Amino acid sequence: MAVSDAQLGKQLGNTMSVNVLERLLVRLLPAAGLAAAAGLRDRWADGSAVRALARTRNHGFARTARLLRRRLMARTSRGSRSRAATAAAVAPQKKRKAGGSVGQGAVAKRARRAAA
């Protein structure tokens, strides 16, 4: 298993919090006058967030992450960011060594990934 049980539990806890925060912010931002209500949509109320999650079932974390990266790269390739910059931005962060630096292999791998 690539993720320990403790890490998986933390990730699940975070995902359960995200939907609550999203629902709160959709209501709070317009109430505080920080965003127009018409520009925000409660994806959990209309069911689109649930459908998006259902599409990721049985795909595993790695496959889903690859699909999301491809979509993000396709979306941002039309924008101001280059594909390499986008790939570097969404690439998973490597654990740092005790000295605080990332290993040379990780840096080279990230550069190759960004160039692809």
Protein backbone atom coordinates (compact mmCIF):
# COMPACT_ATOMS: atom_id res chain seq x y z
CA MET A 1 0.00 0.00 0.00
CA ALA A 2 1.42 3.39 -0.98
CA VAL A 3 -0.36 5.25 1.85
CA SER A 4 -0.26 4.19 5.48
CA ASP A 5 -3.49 3.64 7.37
CA ALA A 6 -2.82 6.76 9.46
CA GLN A 7 -2.26 8.91 6.37
CA LEU A 8 -5.36 7.50 4.69
CA GLY A 9 -7.41 8.34 7.77
CA LYS A 10 -6.09 11.91 7.75
CA GLN A 11 -6.83 12.26 4.03
CA LEU A 12 -10.37 11.00 4.54
CA GLY A 13 -10.82 13.42 7.43
CA ASN A 14 -9.67 16.28 5.21
CA THR A 15 -12.01 15.32 2.39
CA MET A 16 -14.94 15.17 4.76
CA SER A 17 -14.09 18.70 5.92
CA VAL A 18 -13.77 20.10 2.40
CA ASN A 19 -17.41 19.56 1.53
CA VAL A 20 -18.52 21.27 4.74
CA LEU A 21 -16.20 24.23 4.13
CA GLU A 22 -17.34 24.52 0.52
CA ARG A 23 -20.99 24.63 1.55
CA LEU A 24 -20.29 27.23 4.24
CA LEU A 25 -18.22 29.47 1.97
CA VAL A 26 -20.88 29.45 -0.76
CA ARG A 27 -23.23 31.02 1.77
CA LEU A 28 -20.82 33.16 3.79
CA LEU A 29 -18.97 34.93 0.98
CA PRO A 30 -22.11 36.53 -0.52
CA ALA A 31 -23.43 37.37 2.97
CA ALA A 32 -20.17 39.20 3.76
CA GLY A 33 -20.29 40.98 0.40
CA LEU A 34 -17.03 39.34 -0.73
CA ALA A 35 -18.50 37.53 -3.74
CA ALA A 36 -21.61 37.70 -5.87
CA ALA A 37 -24.08 34.94 -5.06
CA ALA A 38 -24.71 34.40 -8.77
CA GLY A 39 -21.03 33.54 -9.30
CA LEU A 40 -21.03 30.74 -6.72
CA ARG A 41 -22.70 27.37 -6.94
CA ASP A 42 -23.33 24.84 -4.16
CA ARG A 43 -22.12 21.69 -5.92
CA TRP A 44 -23.23 19.54 -2.99
CA ALA A 45 -26.82 20.84 -3.05
CA ASP A 46 -27.27 20.33 -6.80
CA GLY A 47 -25.56 16.91 -6.75
CA SER A 48 -22.75 17.68 -9.18
CA ALA A 49 -20.03 17.16 -6.54
CA VAL A 50 -21.48 13.75 -5.65
CA ARG A 51 -21.56 12.77 -9.33
CA ALA A 52 -17.94 13.89 -9.76
CA LEU A 53 -16.91 11.74 -6.80
CA ALA A 54 -18.87 8.78 -8.14
CA ARG A 55 -16.91 8.94 -11.40
CA THR A 56 -13.68 8.35 -9.45
CA ARG A 57 -14.90 5.13 -7.79
CA ASN A 58 -12.80 2.04 -8.44
CA HIS A 59 -10.11 4.07 -10.22
CA GLY A 60 -7.61 4.21 -7.37
CA PHE A 61 -5.69 7.26 -6.21
CA ALA A 62 -2.89 7.12 -8.80
CA ARG A 63 -5.19 6.86 -11.83
CA THR A 64 -7.50 9.58 -10.56
CA ALA A 65 -4.54 11.89 -9.87
CA ARG A 66 -3.22 11.30 -13.42
CA LEU A 67 -6.64 12.14 -14.90
CA LEU A 68 -6.89 15.31 -12.82
CA ARG A 69 -3.39 16.40 -13.85
CA ARG A 70 -4.23 15.87 -17.53
CA ARG A 71 -7.43 17.89 -17.21
CA LEU A 72 -5.64 20.67 -15.36
CA MET A 73 -2.85 20.76 -17.95
CA ALA A 74 -5.36 20.85 -20.80
CA ARG A 75 -7.29 23.65 -19.11
CA THR A 76 -4.22 25.75 -18.30
CA SER A 77 -2.52 25.18 -21.66
CA ARG A 78 -5.12 27.57 -23.05
CA GLY A 79 -4.29 30.06 -20.30
CA SER A 80 -1.14 31.85 -19.29
CA ARG A 81 0.72 28.95 -17.70
CA SER A 82 2.88 26.64 -19.73
CA ARG A 83 2.35 22.88 -19.57
CA ALA A 84 5.73 22.44 -17.88
CA ALA A 85 4.85 24.97 -15.19
CA THR A 86 1.49 23.31 -14.64
CA ALA A 87 3.03 19.84 -14.42
CA ALA A 88 5.58 21.09 -11.89
CA ALA A 89 2.83 22.77 -9.87
CA VAL A 90 0.64 19.68 -9.65
CA ALA A 91 3.46 17.14 -9.29
CA PRO A 92 3.33 15.39 -5.94
CA GLN A 93 5.76 16.83 -3.44
CA LYS A 94 8.58 14.55 -2.36
CA LYS A 95 9.36 14.02 1.32
CA ARG A 96 12.29 16.10 2.39
CA LYS A 97 15.42 14.54 3.82
CA ALA A 98 16.53 15.30 7.36
CA GLY A 99 18.63 18.24 6.10
CA GLY A 100 15.55 19.78 4.46
CA SER A 101 16.59 19.18 0.85
CA VAL A 102 14.92 17.05 -1.77
CA GLY A 103 17.09 14.26 -3.17
CA GLN A 104 18.75 14.81 -6.55
CA GLY A 105 16.80 11.92 -8.08
CA ALA A 106 13.50 13.55 -7.17
CA VAL A 107 14.54 16.86 -8.73
CA ALA A 108 15.64 15.17 -11.96
CA LYS A 109 12.44 13.10 -12.09
CA ARG A 110 10.29 16.21 -11.59
CA ALA A 111 12.20 18.02 -14.37
CA ARG A 112 11.70 15.09 -16.75
CA ARG A 113 8.00 14.97 -15.88
CA ALA A 114 7.64 18.70 -16.49
CA ALA A 115 9.38 18.42 -19.87
CA ALA A 116 7.07 15.61 -21.02
